[in-house]
Every structure is written in structure tokens, then in C-alpha cells.
Amino acid sequence: DAYRYSKLVAEQEAWKLAEAQQLKVATVLPSFIVGPPRTPRVDGESLRNMKQALEGQMPHRGDTNMVDVRDCAAAHIAAAEMPSAVGKRFL
């Protein structure tokens, strides 16, 4: 689908830019990020999918793994702080 394709293209461009500018890069590629909402909005697709999962229903993208936003943030910080992460992709 177009959304997933856009993520692929964005990562490819990040690697190209890193090479051209001699930047140290690691990519963190979470699938579907879930967690506490930051706004009172309750009509979004993410919240609908979380609600379905919590109620034992299969979200429309049941093939997509979910990751908690706090774990995702920790992974980004770790990738930025660890020299051994440079040049790697974290899925």
C-alpha cells in the first residue's frame, strides 16, 4: 500500500543522504506504534485498531506487529547513543 511504500522510500533516501553527507545513521523501523493517546481525539485509525485488538478482534491489518510508543522511543534513543548502532536497521 502507499503508506508502507512511503516508509520504504523515506528510509532509502535517509541512507542515500547519510552516504552523500558522510553522516552516521541508524534506522529504527517500528511497525504499528500504539500507546497512550496524546490528544482527546478518539476517532483515529490507530485508536480504532488498538480497541479492536484489546477486544480480541482482528484489526484490518492483522499481519502488522504492534510496538508500544515508549519502547519505540527508547529504541530511538539507544540507536542514537550507541556507536555500534551506526549503519544498522532495527526492525
N, C-alpha and C. Protein backbone atom coordinates (compact mmCIF):
# COMPACT_ATOMS: atom_id res chain seq x y z
N ASP A 1 0.82 -1.18 0.00
CA ASP A 1 0.00 0.00 0.00
C ASP A 1 0.88 1.25 0.00
N ALA A 2 0.29 2.37 -0.27
CA ALA A 2 1.04 3.62 -0.42
C ALA A 2 1.74 4.05 0.87
N TYR A 3 1.11 3.84 2.01
CA TYR A 3 1.72 4.25 3.27
C TYR A 3 3.01 3.48 3.53
N ARG A 4 2.95 2.16 3.40
CA ARG A 4 4.13 1.34 3.64
C ARG A 4 5.21 1.65 2.61
N TYR A 5 4.82 1.87 1.38
CA TYR A 5 5.78 2.22 0.34
C TYR A 5 6.48 3.54 0.68
N SER A 6 5.73 4.51 1.19
CA SER A 6 6.33 5.80 1.54
C SER A 6 7.39 5.64 2.62
N LYS A 7 7.18 4.73 3.56
CA LYS A 7 8.16 4.47 4.61
C LYS A 7 9.43 3.85 4.02
N LEU A 8 9.27 2.95 3.07
CA LEU A 8 10.41 2.33 2.40
C LEU A 8 11.24 3.38 1.68
N VAL A 9 10.58 4.22 0.90
CA VAL A 9 11.27 5.25 0.13
C VAL A 9 11.97 6.24 1.06
N ALA A 10 11.32 6.62 2.15
CA ALA A 10 11.93 7.55 3.11
C ALA A 10 13.21 6.97 3.70
N GLU A 11 13.18 5.70 4.04
CA GLU A 11 14.40 5.09 4.59
C GLU A 11 15.50 5.03 3.54
N GLN A 12 15.16 4.66 2.32
CA GLN A 12 16.17 4.61 1.26
C GLN A 12 16.82 5.98 1.06
N GLU A 13 16.01 7.03 1.10
CA GLU A 13 16.54 8.38 0.94
C GLU A 13 17.43 8.77 2.13
N ALA A 14 17.08 8.32 3.33
CA ALA A 14 17.91 8.61 4.50
C ALA A 14 19.29 7.99 4.34
N TRP A 15 19.35 6.75 3.85
CA TRP A 15 20.64 6.10 3.64
C TRP A 15 21.44 6.81 2.55
N LYS A 16 20.79 7.25 1.49
CA LYS A 16 21.48 7.99 0.42
C LYS A 16 22.05 9.30 0.96
N LEU A 17 21.26 10.03 1.72
CA LEU A 17 21.71 11.30 2.30
C LEU A 17 22.89 11.07 3.26
N ALA A 18 22.78 10.02 4.06
CA ALA A 18 23.86 9.71 5.00
C ALA A 18 25.17 9.45 4.27
N GLU A 19 25.08 8.71 3.17
CA GLU A 19 26.29 8.42 2.40
C GLU A 19 26.84 9.68 1.74
N ALA A 20 25.98 10.48 1.14
CA ALA A 20 26.41 11.69 0.45
C ALA A 20 27.01 12.72 1.41
N GLN A 21 26.45 12.80 2.62
CA GLN A 21 26.90 13.80 3.60
C GLN A 21 27.85 13.21 4.66
N GLN A 22 28.19 11.95 4.49
CA GLN A 22 29.07 11.24 5.44
C GLN A 22 28.51 11.34 6.87
N LEU A 23 27.24 11.04 7.00
CA LEU A 23 26.57 11.06 8.29
C LEU A 23 26.53 9.66 8.89
N LYS A 24 26.53 9.60 10.19
CA LYS A 24 26.38 8.33 10.90
C LYS A 24 24.89 8.13 11.16
N VAL A 25 24.35 7.05 10.59
CA VAL A 25 22.90 6.83 10.66
C VAL A 25 22.59 5.41 11.09
N ALA A 26 21.53 5.28 11.85
CA ALA A 26 20.89 4.01 12.15
C ALA A 26 19.41 4.26 11.95
N THR A 27 18.69 3.27 11.47
CA THR A 27 17.25 3.46 11.30
C THR A 27 16.50 2.53 12.25
N VAL A 28 15.44 3.09 12.81
CA VAL A 28 14.53 2.33 13.67
C VAL A 28 13.21 2.29 12.92
N LEU A 29 12.74 1.07 12.65
CA LEU A 29 11.59 0.88 11.77
C LEU A 29 10.47 0.15 12.50
N PRO A 30 9.76 0.86 13.35
CA PRO A 30 8.65 0.21 14.04
C PRO A 30 7.52 -0.06 13.06
N SER A 31 6.73 -1.04 13.38
CA SER A 31 5.60 -1.34 12.51
C SER A 31 4.44 -0.43 12.88
N PHE A 32 3.58 -0.88 13.74
CA PHE A 32 2.41 -0.11 14.15
C PHE A 32 2.61 0.33 15.59
N ILE A 33 2.75 1.63 15.82
CA ILE A 33 3.03 2.16 17.15
C ILE A 33 1.71 2.39 17.90
N VAL A 34 1.66 1.84 19.11
CA VAL A 34 0.48 2.01 19.95
C VAL A 34 0.90 2.58 21.29
N GLY A 35 -0.06 3.12 22.01
CA GLY A 35 0.23 3.64 23.34
C GLY A 35 -0.77 4.69 23.74
N PRO A 36 -0.52 5.31 24.86
CA PRO A 36 -1.46 6.31 25.35
C PRO A 36 -1.63 7.46 24.36
N PRO A 37 -2.84 7.84 24.07
CA PRO A 37 -3.04 8.96 23.14
C PRO A 37 -2.62 10.27 23.80
N ARG A 38 -2.14 11.20 22.98
CA ARG A 38 -1.70 12.50 23.49
C ARG A 38 -2.75 13.58 23.29
N THR A 39 -3.84 13.23 22.65
CA THR A 39 -4.91 14.18 22.42
C THR A 39 -6.24 13.53 22.82
N PRO A 40 -7.27 14.33 22.98
CA PRO A 40 -8.58 13.74 23.32
C PRO A 40 -9.28 13.10 22.12
N ARG A 41 -8.70 13.20 20.95
CA ARG A 41 -9.31 12.65 19.74
C ARG A 41 -9.44 11.13 19.86
N VAL A 42 -10.60 10.61 19.54
CA VAL A 42 -10.83 9.17 19.66
C VAL A 42 -11.31 8.53 18.36
N ASP A 43 -11.25 9.26 17.26
CA ASP A 43 -11.79 8.74 16.01
C ASP A 43 -10.70 8.29 15.03
N GLY A 44 -9.46 8.22 15.45
CA GLY A 44 -8.38 7.87 14.54
C GLY A 44 -8.25 6.39 14.30
N GLU A 45 -7.58 6.03 13.22
CA GLU A 45 -7.37 4.63 12.86
C GLU A 45 -6.54 3.90 13.90
N SER A 46 -5.53 4.55 14.44
CA SER A 46 -4.67 3.90 15.44
C SER A 46 -5.47 3.48 16.66
N LEU A 47 -6.29 4.39 17.18
CA LEU A 47 -7.09 4.05 18.36
C LEU A 47 -8.12 2.98 18.03
N ARG A 48 -8.68 3.03 16.85
CA ARG A 48 -9.65 2.01 16.45
C ARG A 48 -8.97 0.63 16.42
N ASN A 49 -7.76 0.56 15.86
CA ASN A 49 -7.04 -0.71 15.81
C ASN A 49 -6.67 -1.21 17.20
N MET A 50 -6.24 -0.30 18.09
CA MET A 50 -5.91 -0.71 19.46
C MET A 50 -7.15 -1.25 20.17
N LYS A 51 -8.27 -0.57 20.00
CA LYS A 51 -9.53 -1.00 20.63
C LYS A 51 -9.91 -2.39 20.13
N GLN A 52 -9.80 -2.62 18.84
CA GLN A 52 -10.14 -3.93 18.29
C GLN A 52 -9.23 -5.01 18.87
N ALA A 53 -7.95 -4.72 18.96
CA ALA A 53 -7.01 -5.72 19.49
C ALA A 53 -7.32 -6.03 20.95
N LEU A 54 -7.60 -5.00 21.74
CA LEU A 54 -7.91 -5.20 23.16
C LEU A 54 -9.21 -5.97 23.37
N GLU A 55 -10.12 -5.86 22.41
CA GLU A 55 -11.39 -6.57 22.50
C GLU A 55 -11.34 -7.95 21.85
N GLY A 56 -10.13 -8.35 21.41
CA GLY A 56 -9.96 -9.68 20.83
C GLY A 56 -10.37 -9.77 19.38
N GLN A 57 -10.63 -8.64 18.75
CA GLN A 57 -10.98 -8.64 17.34
C GLN A 57 -9.70 -8.47 16.51
N MET A 58 -9.75 -8.89 15.29
CA MET A 58 -8.62 -8.77 14.40
C MET A 58 -8.67 -7.42 13.70
N PRO A 59 -7.70 -6.53 13.98
CA PRO A 59 -7.66 -5.27 13.23
C PRO A 59 -7.52 -5.56 11.74
N HIS A 60 -7.88 -4.61 10.91
CA HIS A 60 -7.86 -4.87 9.47
C HIS A 60 -6.46 -5.16 8.94
N ARG A 61 -5.44 -4.82 9.69
CA ARG A 61 -4.07 -5.17 9.32
C ARG A 61 -3.53 -6.13 10.38
N GLY A 62 -4.11 -7.27 10.46
CA GLY A 62 -3.71 -8.24 11.46
C GLY A 62 -2.32 -8.79 11.27
N ASP A 63 -1.73 -8.57 10.10
CA ASP A 63 -0.37 -9.05 9.82
C ASP A 63 0.69 -8.08 10.32
N THR A 64 0.29 -6.97 10.91
CA THR A 64 1.23 -5.95 11.34
C THR A 64 1.47 -6.04 12.84
N ASN A 65 2.73 -6.19 13.21
CA ASN A 65 3.09 -6.22 14.63
C ASN A 65 2.89 -4.85 15.26
N MET A 66 2.64 -4.84 16.56
CA MET A 66 2.44 -3.59 17.28
C MET A 66 3.59 -3.39 18.26
N VAL A 67 3.96 -2.14 18.49
CA VAL A 67 5.01 -1.81 19.45
C VAL A 67 4.52 -0.62 20.28
N ASP A 68 4.79 -0.66 21.58
CA ASP A 68 4.40 0.44 22.45
C ASP A 68 5.26 1.66 22.15
N VAL A 69 4.65 2.82 22.13
CA VAL A 69 5.33 4.06 21.79
C VAL A 69 6.52 4.31 22.72
N ARG A 70 6.41 3.92 23.98
CA ARG A 70 7.51 4.14 24.92
C ARG A 70 8.69 3.25 24.60
N ASP A 71 8.42 2.02 24.15
CA ASP A 71 9.51 1.14 23.73
C ASP A 71 10.16 1.66 22.45
N CYS A 72 9.33 2.17 21.57
CA CYS A 72 9.83 2.74 20.32
C CYS A 72 10.74 3.94 20.59
N ALA A 73 10.33 4.80 21.51
CA ALA A 73 11.15 5.97 21.88
C ALA A 73 12.47 5.52 22.48
N ALA A 74 12.44 4.51 23.34
CA ALA A 74 13.67 4.01 23.95
C ALA A 74 14.61 3.44 22.89
N ALA A 75 14.05 2.77 21.88
CA ALA A 75 14.87 2.22 20.80
C ALA A 75 15.54 3.33 19.99
N HIS A 76 14.81 4.41 19.73
CA HIS A 76 15.40 5.54 19.01
C HIS A 76 16.54 6.16 19.81
N ILE A 77 16.35 6.34 21.10
CA ILE A 77 17.39 6.91 21.95
C ILE A 77 18.61 6.00 21.97
N ALA A 78 18.39 4.71 22.16
CA ALA A 78 19.51 3.76 22.19
C ALA A 78 20.28 3.77 20.87
N ALA A 79 19.56 3.81 19.76
CA ALA A 79 20.22 3.82 18.45
C ALA A 79 21.05 5.09 18.27
N ALA A 80 20.57 6.19 18.82
CA ALA A 80 21.30 7.45 18.70
C ALA A 80 22.53 7.50 19.60
N GLU A 81 22.49 6.79 20.72
CA GLU A 81 23.57 6.88 21.71
C GLU A 81 24.62 5.78 21.59
N MET A 82 24.31 4.71 20.87
CA MET A 82 25.24 3.58 20.79
C MET A 82 26.06 3.62 19.50
N PRO A 83 27.35 3.82 19.59
CA PRO A 83 28.18 3.83 18.38
C PRO A 83 28.05 2.55 17.55
N SER A 84 27.80 1.43 18.22
CA SER A 84 27.68 0.16 17.49
C SER A 84 26.41 0.07 16.65
N ALA A 85 25.48 1.01 16.83
CA ALA A 85 24.24 1.01 16.05
C ALA A 85 24.42 1.62 14.68
N VAL A 86 25.48 2.39 14.49
CA VAL A 86 25.69 3.08 13.21
C VAL A 86 25.68 2.08 12.04
N GLY A 87 24.91 2.43 11.02
CA GLY A 87 24.85 1.61 9.82
C GLY A 87 23.87 0.45 9.90
N LYS A 88 23.14 0.35 10.99
CA LYS A 88 22.23 -0.78 11.16
C LYS A 88 20.78 -0.34 11.06
N ARG A 89 19.94 -1.34 10.76
CA ARG A 89 18.49 -1.16 10.71
C ARG A 89 17.89 -1.96 11.84
N PHE A 90 17.01 -1.33 12.61
CA PHE A 90 16.35 -2.01 13.73
C PHE A 90 14.87 -2.12 13.40
N LEU A 91 14.39 -3.37 13.30
CA LEU A 91 13.00 -3.62 12.92
C LEU A 91 12.17 -3.94 14.14
